[in-house]
Amino acid sequence: MSGAAPQGDATFRAAIAIVLMHEGGLVDDPDDAGGLTNMGITLRDHPALGADGIRNLTREDAIAIYWTDWWVRYRFGQLPASIAGKVFDLAVNVGAGTAVAGLQRAVNALGHHLVVDGAIGAQTCQAALGCDPRALHAAFAAQMAAHYRAIVAAHPADAKFLAGWLARAAA
C-alpha cells in the first residue's frame, strides 16, 4: 500500500495509536454492522481488499488507509490538536459526518453558532479553537454518548456494544 502518513505529523501519530488501541485486531461479529474487520478496517468499506486482505492487513497498511481515507480525506488535521484525535477516533467508530456533527453540536453548546453539517471547514475549526479544550472534550463526549444511546434505543440488539461505546466516548 502507498500513502503512508508522514512521520512528522505528531497529531496523527498520537491519534492513530488511540484508534488502533480501541479498534483492536481481527473481528467478525455477526452482530456488528461492519462485518469482517481488522484494526477497524472493514471489508464492507474496502471490498477491493477482499476477505483475505482484511484478515492479513498489517499495522502499516491500516495506518496508511487511515491516513489517506480518513485523516486527509476528512481534514481532521485542520482541527485544533487538542480535539482532532478524539474526533478522528470516534469518526472511525460512527462515521466522519456523525462525529463531526457531534463536534459541531458540542461547539454550539459552548456558545458558538455553527451550522451542523458534519463537515470540517474553516468555521468549525475556528469555533473549536475558540473553545476551552477541556470543556470542548467534555461537551463532545456528551454528544457522542447521546448518539450511542440513541442507536441502542432504535436498535436494542446493539445494547451489547453500549458499555464499550460509552467508554470510548469518555476516554
N, C-alpha and C. Protein backbone atom coordinates (compact mmCIF):
# COMPACT_ATOMS: atom_id res chain seq x y z
N MET A 1 0.84 -1.18 0.00
CA MET A 1 0.00 0.00 0.00
C MET A 1 0.88 1.24 0.00
N SER A 2 0.31 2.31 -0.52
CA SER A 2 1.05 3.56 -0.53
C SER A 2 0.28 4.59 0.29
N GLY A 3 0.86 5.77 0.41
CA GLY A 3 0.18 6.85 1.10
C GLY A 3 0.40 6.85 2.60
N ALA A 4 1.50 6.26 3.06
CA ALA A 4 1.76 6.21 4.50
C ALA A 4 1.86 7.63 5.05
N ALA A 5 1.48 7.77 6.29
CA ALA A 5 1.49 9.07 6.94
C ALA A 5 2.91 9.60 7.08
N PRO A 6 3.05 10.89 6.92
CA PRO A 6 4.38 11.46 7.16
C PRO A 6 4.79 11.27 8.62
N GLN A 7 6.02 10.95 8.83
CA GLN A 7 6.50 10.69 10.19
C GLN A 7 6.44 11.94 11.06
N GLY A 8 6.40 13.13 10.44
CA GLY A 8 6.40 14.36 11.21
C GLY A 8 5.05 14.79 11.75
N ASP A 9 3.97 14.11 11.40
CA ASP A 9 2.65 14.53 11.86
C ASP A 9 2.36 13.92 13.23
N ALA A 10 2.78 14.63 14.27
CA ALA A 10 2.66 14.12 15.64
C ALA A 10 1.20 13.96 16.06
N THR A 11 0.33 14.84 15.59
CA THR A 11 -1.08 14.74 15.97
C THR A 11 -1.69 13.47 15.40
N PHE A 12 -1.38 13.16 14.15
CA PHE A 12 -1.88 11.92 13.56
C PHE A 12 -1.29 10.71 14.26
N ARG A 13 0.00 10.73 14.54
CA ARG A 13 0.64 9.57 15.21
C ARG A 13 -0.03 9.29 16.55
N ALA A 14 -0.30 10.33 17.31
CA ALA A 14 -0.97 10.13 18.60
C ALA A 14 -2.39 9.62 18.40
N ALA A 15 -3.08 10.19 17.42
CA ALA A 15 -4.47 9.80 17.17
C ALA A 15 -4.57 8.36 16.68
N ILE A 16 -3.69 7.96 15.78
CA ILE A 16 -3.78 6.61 15.23
C ILE A 16 -3.46 5.57 16.29
N ALA A 17 -2.60 5.89 17.22
CA ALA A 17 -2.31 4.95 18.31
C ALA A 17 -3.58 4.68 19.12
N ILE A 18 -4.37 5.71 19.36
CA ILE A 18 -5.62 5.55 20.11
C ILE A 18 -6.64 4.76 19.29
N VAL A 19 -6.77 5.10 18.02
CA VAL A 19 -7.71 4.38 17.15
C VAL A 19 -7.37 2.89 17.14
N LEU A 20 -6.10 2.56 16.92
CA LEU A 20 -5.72 1.15 16.83
C LEU A 20 -5.90 0.43 18.16
N MET A 21 -5.70 1.13 19.26
CA MET A 21 -5.96 0.53 20.57
C MET A 21 -7.45 0.23 20.73
N HIS A 22 -8.30 1.18 20.36
CA HIS A 22 -9.75 0.98 20.50
C HIS A 22 -10.28 -0.06 19.52
N GLU A 23 -9.75 -0.07 18.33
CA GLU A 23 -10.28 -0.97 17.31
C GLU A 23 -9.81 -2.41 17.48
N GLY A 24 -8.63 -2.61 18.05
CA GLY A 24 -8.16 -3.98 18.27
C GLY A 24 -7.79 -4.67 16.97
N GLY A 25 -7.88 -5.98 16.99
CA GLY A 25 -7.47 -6.79 15.84
C GLY A 25 -8.63 -7.30 15.02
N LEU A 26 -8.50 -8.52 14.57
CA LEU A 26 -9.47 -9.13 13.66
C LEU A 26 -10.75 -9.47 14.41
N VAL A 27 -11.88 -9.03 13.83
CA VAL A 27 -13.20 -9.27 14.42
C VAL A 27 -14.16 -9.64 13.29
N ASP A 28 -14.99 -10.64 13.54
CA ASP A 28 -16.04 -10.98 12.59
C ASP A 28 -17.30 -11.32 13.38
N ASP A 29 -17.83 -10.33 14.08
CA ASP A 29 -19.00 -10.47 14.93
C ASP A 29 -20.25 -10.35 14.06
N PRO A 30 -21.10 -11.37 14.02
CA PRO A 30 -22.29 -11.30 13.17
C PRO A 30 -23.25 -10.18 13.58
N ASP A 31 -23.14 -9.69 14.81
CA ASP A 31 -24.00 -8.59 15.25
C ASP A 31 -23.42 -7.22 14.93
N ASP A 32 -22.19 -7.18 14.44
CA ASP A 32 -21.54 -5.91 14.12
C ASP A 32 -21.83 -5.56 12.66
N ALA A 33 -22.43 -4.40 12.45
CA ALA A 33 -22.80 -3.97 11.10
C ALA A 33 -21.58 -3.84 10.19
N GLY A 34 -20.39 -3.66 10.78
CA GLY A 34 -19.18 -3.52 9.98
C GLY A 34 -18.73 -4.81 9.32
N GLY A 35 -19.21 -5.94 9.85
CA GLY A 35 -18.79 -7.22 9.29
C GLY A 35 -17.33 -7.49 9.58
N LEU A 36 -16.69 -8.26 8.72
CA LEU A 36 -15.28 -8.62 8.88
C LEU A 36 -14.45 -7.35 8.98
N THR A 37 -13.70 -7.24 10.08
CA THR A 37 -12.96 -6.01 10.39
C THR A 37 -11.61 -6.39 10.98
N ASN A 38 -10.60 -5.63 10.59
CA ASN A 38 -9.28 -5.80 11.19
C ASN A 38 -8.72 -4.41 11.46
N MET A 39 -8.41 -4.14 12.72
CA MET A 39 -7.90 -2.83 13.16
C MET A 39 -8.85 -1.71 12.75
N GLY A 40 -10.13 -2.03 12.68
CA GLY A 40 -11.13 -1.04 12.31
C GLY A 40 -11.35 -0.89 10.82
N ILE A 41 -10.57 -1.56 10.01
CA ILE A 41 -10.73 -1.52 8.55
C ILE A 41 -11.70 -2.63 8.18
N THR A 42 -12.83 -2.25 7.57
CA THR A 42 -13.89 -3.21 7.29
C THR A 42 -13.88 -3.67 5.84
N LEU A 43 -14.28 -4.91 5.65
CA LEU A 43 -14.47 -5.43 4.30
C LEU A 43 -15.58 -4.66 3.60
N ARG A 44 -16.61 -4.27 4.34
CA ARG A 44 -17.72 -3.51 3.76
C ARG A 44 -17.23 -2.23 3.10
N ASP A 45 -16.31 -1.53 3.76
CA ASP A 45 -15.80 -0.26 3.24
C ASP A 45 -14.62 -0.41 2.29
N HIS A 46 -13.99 -1.58 2.30
CA HIS A 46 -12.81 -1.82 1.46
C HIS A 46 -12.94 -3.17 0.75
N PRO A 47 -13.97 -3.33 -0.07
CA PRO A 47 -14.19 -4.62 -0.73
C PRO A 47 -13.05 -5.04 -1.66
N ALA A 48 -12.32 -4.08 -2.17
CA ALA A 48 -11.21 -4.42 -3.07
C ALA A 48 -10.12 -5.22 -2.35
N LEU A 49 -10.04 -5.09 -1.03
CA LEU A 49 -9.05 -5.86 -0.28
C LEU A 49 -9.42 -7.33 -0.20
N GLY A 50 -10.71 -7.63 -0.27
CA GLY A 50 -11.18 -9.00 -0.13
C GLY A 50 -11.04 -9.46 1.31
N ALA A 51 -11.68 -10.55 1.63
CA ALA A 51 -11.64 -11.09 2.99
C ALA A 51 -10.21 -11.44 3.41
N ASP A 52 -9.44 -12.02 2.50
CA ASP A 52 -8.05 -12.37 2.84
C ASP A 52 -7.22 -11.12 3.08
N GLY A 53 -7.47 -10.08 2.32
CA GLY A 53 -6.75 -8.82 2.51
C GLY A 53 -7.04 -8.21 3.87
N ILE A 54 -8.30 -8.29 4.30
CA ILE A 54 -8.67 -7.78 5.63
C ILE A 54 -8.00 -8.65 6.70
N ARG A 55 -8.09 -9.94 6.54
CA ARG A 55 -7.51 -10.84 7.55
C ARG A 55 -5.99 -10.65 7.68
N ASN A 56 -5.32 -10.37 6.56
CA ASN A 56 -3.86 -10.27 6.54
C ASN A 56 -3.35 -8.83 6.59
N LEU A 57 -4.21 -7.89 6.88
CA LEU A 57 -3.85 -6.48 6.93
C LEU A 57 -2.74 -6.26 7.96
N THR A 58 -1.71 -5.55 7.56
CA THR A 58 -0.65 -5.22 8.50
C THR A 58 -0.97 -3.90 9.20
N ARG A 59 -0.30 -3.67 10.29
CA ARG A 59 -0.47 -2.40 11.01
C ARG A 59 -0.11 -1.22 10.09
N GLU A 60 0.97 -1.36 9.34
CA GLU A 60 1.41 -0.30 8.43
C GLU A 60 0.36 -0.04 7.35
N ASP A 61 -0.25 -1.10 6.82
CA ASP A 61 -1.31 -0.92 5.83
C ASP A 61 -2.51 -0.21 6.43
N ALA A 62 -2.89 -0.60 7.64
CA ALA A 62 -4.02 0.04 8.30
C ALA A 62 -3.74 1.53 8.52
N ILE A 63 -2.54 1.85 8.97
CA ILE A 63 -2.17 3.24 9.20
C ILE A 63 -2.24 4.03 7.89
N ALA A 64 -1.76 3.44 6.81
CA ALA A 64 -1.80 4.12 5.51
C ALA A 64 -3.25 4.37 5.07
N ILE A 65 -4.12 3.40 5.30
CA ILE A 65 -5.54 3.58 4.96
C ILE A 65 -6.15 4.70 5.80
N TYR A 66 -5.87 4.68 7.11
CA TYR A 66 -6.41 5.73 7.97
C TYR A 66 -5.89 7.10 7.59
N TRP A 67 -4.62 7.17 7.21
CA TRP A 67 -4.06 8.46 6.80
C TRP A 67 -4.80 8.99 5.57
N THR A 68 -4.88 8.21 4.54
CA THR A 68 -5.45 8.66 3.26
C THR A 68 -6.97 8.76 3.29
N ASP A 69 -7.62 7.68 3.73
CA ASP A 69 -9.08 7.59 3.63
C ASP A 69 -9.81 8.30 4.76
N TRP A 70 -9.11 8.65 5.81
CA TRP A 70 -9.75 9.29 6.95
C TRP A 70 -9.11 10.63 7.28
N TRP A 71 -7.88 10.64 7.76
CA TRP A 71 -7.25 11.86 8.26
C TRP A 71 -7.19 12.95 7.19
N VAL A 72 -6.67 12.60 6.02
CA VAL A 72 -6.55 13.59 4.94
C VAL A 72 -7.91 13.86 4.31
N ARG A 73 -8.64 12.82 3.97
CA ARG A 73 -9.92 12.98 3.28
C ARG A 73 -10.90 13.88 4.05
N TYR A 74 -11.01 13.67 5.36
CA TYR A 74 -11.98 14.42 6.15
C TYR A 74 -11.37 15.63 6.86
N ARG A 75 -10.08 15.85 6.69
CA ARG A 75 -9.38 17.04 7.20
C ARG A 75 -9.33 17.13 8.72
N PHE A 76 -9.19 16.00 9.39
CA PHE A 76 -9.10 16.03 10.85
C PHE A 76 -7.90 16.84 11.32
N GLY A 77 -6.83 16.84 10.56
CA GLY A 77 -5.63 17.57 10.94
C GLY A 77 -5.81 19.08 10.96
N GLN A 78 -6.91 19.59 10.40
CA GLN A 78 -7.18 21.03 10.44
C GLN A 78 -7.80 21.46 11.76
N LEU A 79 -8.32 20.50 12.52
CA LEU A 79 -8.91 20.81 13.82
C LEU A 79 -7.80 21.11 14.82
N PRO A 80 -8.13 21.83 15.90
CA PRO A 80 -7.12 22.01 16.95
C PRO A 80 -6.62 20.64 17.44
N ALA A 81 -5.33 20.55 17.67
CA ALA A 81 -4.73 19.27 18.07
C ALA A 81 -5.38 18.71 19.33
N SER A 82 -5.89 19.58 20.19
CA SER A 82 -6.49 19.13 21.45
C SER A 82 -7.76 18.30 21.25
N ILE A 83 -8.41 18.41 20.09
CA ILE A 83 -9.67 17.67 19.84
C ILE A 83 -9.58 16.81 18.58
N ALA A 84 -8.61 17.05 17.71
CA ALA A 84 -8.54 16.34 16.43
C ALA A 84 -8.52 14.83 16.59
N GLY A 85 -7.68 14.33 17.48
CA GLY A 85 -7.57 12.88 17.67
C GLY A 85 -8.84 12.26 18.19
N LYS A 86 -9.53 12.97 19.08
CA LYS A 86 -10.77 12.45 19.65
C LYS A 86 -11.85 12.36 18.59
N VAL A 87 -11.98 13.38 17.78
CA VAL A 87 -12.99 13.36 16.71
C VAL A 87 -12.65 12.26 15.71
N PHE A 88 -11.39 12.14 15.35
CA PHE A 88 -10.94 11.09 14.44
C PHE A 88 -11.27 9.70 14.99
N ASP A 89 -10.95 9.47 16.25
CA ASP A 89 -11.21 8.17 16.88
C ASP A 89 -12.68 7.81 16.82
N LEU A 90 -13.54 8.74 17.19
CA LEU A 90 -14.97 8.43 17.20
C LEU A 90 -15.53 8.38 15.78
N ALA A 91 -14.91 9.11 14.85
CA ALA A 91 -15.34 9.04 13.45
C ALA A 91 -15.13 7.63 12.89
N VAL A 92 -14.04 7.01 13.28
CA VAL A 92 -13.78 5.64 12.83
C VAL A 92 -14.90 4.72 13.31
N ASN A 93 -15.45 5.01 14.46
CA ASN A 93 -16.50 4.17 15.04
C ASN A 93 -17.88 4.49 14.49
N VAL A 94 -18.20 5.76 14.28
CA VAL A 94 -19.58 6.14 13.91
C VAL A 94 -19.70 6.76 12.53
N GLY A 95 -18.59 7.03 11.88
CA GLY A 95 -18.60 7.71 10.60
C GLY A 95 -18.17 9.16 10.77
N ALA A 96 -17.48 9.67 9.77
CA ALA A 96 -16.92 11.02 9.86
C ALA A 96 -18.00 12.08 10.02
N GLY A 97 -19.04 12.01 9.20
CA GLY A 97 -20.09 13.03 9.27
C GLY A 97 -20.78 13.08 10.62
N THR A 98 -21.03 11.92 11.20
CA THR A 98 -21.69 11.85 12.50
C THR A 98 -20.80 12.41 13.60
N ALA A 99 -19.52 12.05 13.57
CA ALA A 99 -18.60 12.55 14.60
C ALA A 99 -18.40 14.06 14.47
N VAL A 100 -18.24 14.55 13.25
CA VAL A 100 -18.04 15.99 13.07
C VAL A 100 -19.31 16.76 13.45
N ALA A 101 -20.47 16.22 13.13
CA ALA A 101 -21.72 16.86 13.57
C ALA A 101 -21.79 16.90 15.10
N GLY A 102 -21.33 15.84 15.75
CA GLY A 102 -21.27 15.82 17.21
C GLY A 102 -20.34 16.91 17.73
N LEU A 103 -19.21 17.09 17.07
CA LEU A 103 -18.29 18.16 17.45
C LEU A 103 -18.96 19.52 17.27
N GLN A 104 -19.63 19.70 16.16
CA GLN A 104 -20.29 20.99 15.90
C GLN A 104 -21.38 21.27 16.94
N ARG A 105 -22.13 20.26 17.32
CA ARG A 105 -23.15 20.46 18.37
C ARG A 105 -22.47 20.78 19.70
N ALA A 106 -21.34 20.14 19.97
CA ALA A 106 -20.60 20.42 21.20
C ALA A 106 -20.10 21.87 21.21
N VAL A 107 -19.56 22.32 20.11
CA VAL A 107 -19.09 23.70 19.99
C VAL A 107 -20.27 24.67 20.20
N ASN A 108 -21.40 24.34 19.61
CA ASN A 108 -22.59 25.19 19.80
C ASN A 108 -23.05 25.20 21.25
N ALA A 109 -22.93 24.07 21.93
CA ALA A 109 -23.32 24.01 23.35
C ALA A 109 -22.42 24.91 24.20
N LEU A 110 -21.26 25.24 23.66
CA LEU A 110 -20.33 26.11 24.38
C LEU A 110 -20.44 27.57 23.93
N GLY A 111 -21.54 27.89 23.24
CA GLY A 111 -21.82 29.29 22.94
C GLY A 111 -21.58 29.74 21.52
N HIS A 112 -21.17 28.87 20.65
CA HIS A 112 -20.95 29.26 19.25
C HIS A 112 -22.22 28.97 18.44
N HIS A 113 -22.21 29.37 17.18
CA HIS A 113 -23.40 29.22 16.34
C HIS A 113 -23.00 28.66 14.98
N LEU A 114 -22.60 27.41 14.97
CA LEU A 114 -22.22 26.74 13.73
C LEU A 114 -23.42 26.08 13.09
N VAL A 115 -23.41 26.00 11.79
CA VAL A 115 -24.34 25.14 11.08
C VAL A 115 -23.83 23.72 11.29
N VAL A 116 -24.70 22.82 11.70
CA VAL A 116 -24.31 21.43 11.93
C VAL A 116 -24.47 20.69 10.60
N ASP A 117 -23.35 20.59 9.88
CA ASP A 117 -23.38 19.97 8.56
C ASP A 117 -22.49 18.73 8.47
N GLY A 118 -21.77 18.41 9.54
CA GLY A 118 -20.94 17.21 9.55
C GLY A 118 -19.67 17.31 8.72
N ALA A 119 -19.27 18.53 8.35
CA ALA A 119 -18.06 18.71 7.55
C ALA A 119 -17.09 19.65 8.26
N ILE A 120 -15.82 19.33 8.20
CA ILE A 120 -14.80 20.18 8.79
C ILE A 120 -14.45 21.27 7.79
N GLY A 121 -14.67 22.50 8.21
CA GLY A 121 -14.33 23.66 7.39
C GLY A 121 -13.74 24.73 8.28
N ALA A 122 -13.48 25.88 7.69
CA ALA A 122 -12.83 26.97 8.41
C ALA A 122 -13.64 27.42 9.63
N GLN A 123 -14.96 27.50 9.50
CA GLN A 123 -15.77 27.97 10.63
C GLN A 123 -15.74 26.97 11.78
N THR A 124 -15.83 25.69 11.48
CA THR A 124 -15.77 24.67 12.52
C THR A 124 -14.41 24.71 13.22
N CYS A 125 -13.34 24.82 12.46
CA CYS A 125 -12.00 24.86 13.05
C CYS A 125 -11.83 26.10 13.92
N GLN A 126 -12.27 27.25 13.44
CA GLN A 126 -12.12 28.49 14.19
C GLN A 126 -12.94 28.45 15.47
N ALA A 127 -14.17 27.96 15.38
CA ALA A 127 -15.02 27.89 16.57
C ALA A 127 -14.44 26.91 17.59
N ALA A 128 -13.94 25.77 17.13
CA ALA A 128 -13.34 24.79 18.04
C ALA A 128 -12.11 25.37 18.71
N LEU A 129 -11.34 26.14 17.96
CA LEU A 129 -10.15 26.78 18.51
C LEU A 129 -10.53 27.79 19.60
N GLY A 130 -11.71 28.38 19.48
CA GLY A 130 -12.17 29.36 20.46
C GLY A 130 -12.76 28.77 21.72
N CYS A 131 -12.81 27.45 21.81
CA CYS A 131 -13.38 26.78 22.99
C CYS A 131 -12.28 26.36 23.95
N ASP A 132 -12.60 26.35 25.22
CA ASP A 132 -11.70 25.77 26.21
C ASP A 132 -11.55 24.28 25.87
N PRO A 133 -10.34 23.77 25.70
CA PRO A 133 -10.15 22.38 25.29
C PRO A 133 -10.83 21.36 26.19
N ARG A 134 -10.77 21.54 27.49
CA ARG A 134 -11.40 20.58 28.40
C ARG A 134 -12.92 20.62 28.29
N ALA A 135 -13.47 21.82 28.20
CA ALA A 135 -14.91 21.95 28.06
C ALA A 135 -15.38 21.35 26.74
N LEU A 136 -14.61 21.57 25.67
CA LEU A 136 -14.97 21.02 24.37
C LEU A 136 -14.91 19.50 24.39
N HIS A 137 -13.88 18.95 25.01
CA HIS A 137 -13.77 17.49 25.10
C HIS A 137 -14.97 16.92 25.85
N ALA A 138 -15.34 17.54 26.96
CA ALA A 138 -16.48 17.04 27.75
C ALA A 138 -17.79 17.18 26.98
N ALA A 139 -17.98 18.29 26.31
CA ALA A 139 -19.21 18.50 25.54
C ALA A 139 -19.29 17.52 24.37
N PHE A 140 -18.15 17.28 23.72
CA PHE A 140 -18.12 16.33 22.61
C PHE A 140 -18.41 14.91 23.11
N ALA A 141 -17.79 14.53 24.22
CA ALA A 141 -18.04 13.20 24.79
C ALA A 141 -19.52 13.03 25.12
N ALA A 142 -20.14 14.07 25.65
CA ALA A 142 -21.58 14.00 25.99
C ALA A 142 -22.42 13.87 24.73
N GLN A 143 -22.08 14.59 23.69
CA GLN A 143 -22.82 14.49 22.42
C GLN A 143 -22.73 13.07 21.85
N MET A 144 -21.53 12.50 21.90
CA MET A 144 -21.35 11.17 21.32
C MET A 144 -22.00 10.10 22.19
N ALA A 145 -21.99 10.27 23.52
CA ALA A 145 -22.68 9.33 24.40
C ALA A 145 -24.17 9.34 24.08
N ALA A 146 -24.73 10.53 23.86
CA ALA A 146 -26.15 10.62 23.50
C ALA A 146 -26.40 9.92 22.17
N HIS A 147 -25.48 10.06 21.24
CA HIS A 147 -25.63 9.38 19.94
C HIS A 147 -25.65 7.86 20.13
N TYR A 148 -24.74 7.35 20.93
CA TYR A 148 -24.69 5.91 21.16
C TYR A 148 -25.96 5.41 21.85
N ARG A 149 -26.46 6.18 22.80
CA ARG A 149 -27.71 5.78 23.47
C ARG A 149 -28.88 5.78 22.49
N ALA A 150 -28.88 6.71 21.56
CA ALA A 150 -29.94 6.75 20.55
C ALA A 150 -29.87 5.54 19.63
N ILE A 151 -28.67 5.09 19.32
CA ILE A 151 -28.53 3.88 18.50
C ILE A 151 -29.17 2.70 19.21
N VAL A 152 -28.88 2.55 20.49
CA VAL A 152 -29.42 1.43 21.26
C VAL A 152 -30.93 1.55 21.42
N ALA A 153 -31.42 2.76 21.57
CA ALA A 153 -32.87 2.95 21.68
C ALA A 153 -33.57 2.52 20.39
N ALA A 154 -32.94 2.79 19.26
CA ALA A 154 -33.51 2.42 17.97
C ALA A 154 -33.26 0.96 17.61
N HIS A 155 -32.17 0.41 18.12
CA HIS A 155 -31.76 -0.97 17.80
C HIS A 155 -31.32 -1.66 19.09
N PRO A 156 -32.26 -2.16 19.89
CA PRO A 156 -31.92 -2.75 21.19
C PRO A 156 -30.88 -3.87 21.13
N ALA A 157 -30.77 -4.56 20.01
CA ALA A 157 -29.77 -5.63 19.91
C ALA A 157 -28.35 -5.09 20.03
N ASP A 158 -28.16 -3.79 19.76
CA ASP A 158 -26.84 -3.19 19.87
C ASP A 158 -26.46 -2.85 21.31
N ALA A 159 -27.34 -3.14 22.26
CA ALA A 159 -27.06 -2.83 23.67
C ALA A 159 -25.77 -3.50 24.14
N LYS A 160 -25.41 -4.63 23.54
CA LYS A 160 -24.20 -5.32 23.97
C LYS A 160 -22.94 -4.51 23.68
N PHE A 161 -23.05 -3.52 22.80
CA PHE A 161 -21.90 -2.68 22.47
C PHE A 161 -21.86 -1.38 23.28
N LEU A 162 -22.95 -1.06 23.97
CA LEU A 162 -23.09 0.26 24.58
C LEU A 162 -22.00 0.58 25.59
N ALA A 163 -21.68 -0.31 26.48
CA ALA A 163 -20.66 -0.01 27.51
C ALA A 163 -19.32 0.34 26.85
N GLY A 164 -18.93 -0.40 25.84
CA GLY A 164 -17.68 -0.11 25.14
C GLY A 164 -17.74 1.21 24.40
N TRP A 165 -18.88 1.48 23.78
CA TRP A 165 -19.03 2.75 23.05
C TRP A 165 -18.95 3.93 24.02
N LEU A 166 -19.63 3.82 25.16
CA LEU A 166 -19.61 4.91 26.12
C LEU A 166 -18.21 5.11 26.71
N ALA A 167 -17.50 4.02 26.94
CA ALA A 167 -16.13 4.13 27.43
C ALA A 167 -15.25 4.83 26.40
N ARG A 168 -15.45 4.50 25.14
CA ARG A 168 -14.66 5.13 24.07
C ARG A 168 -15.00 6.62 23.99
N ALA A 169 -16.26 6.97 24.10
CA ALA A 169 -16.66 8.39 24.06
C ALA A 169 -16.03 9.16 25.21
N ALA A 170 -15.95 8.54 26.36
CA ALA A 170 -15.44 9.22 27.55
C ALA A 170 -13.92 9.23 27.63
N ALA A 171 -13.26 8.35 26.90
CA ALA A 171 -11.79 8.21 27.01
C ALA A 171 -11.07 9.50 26.62
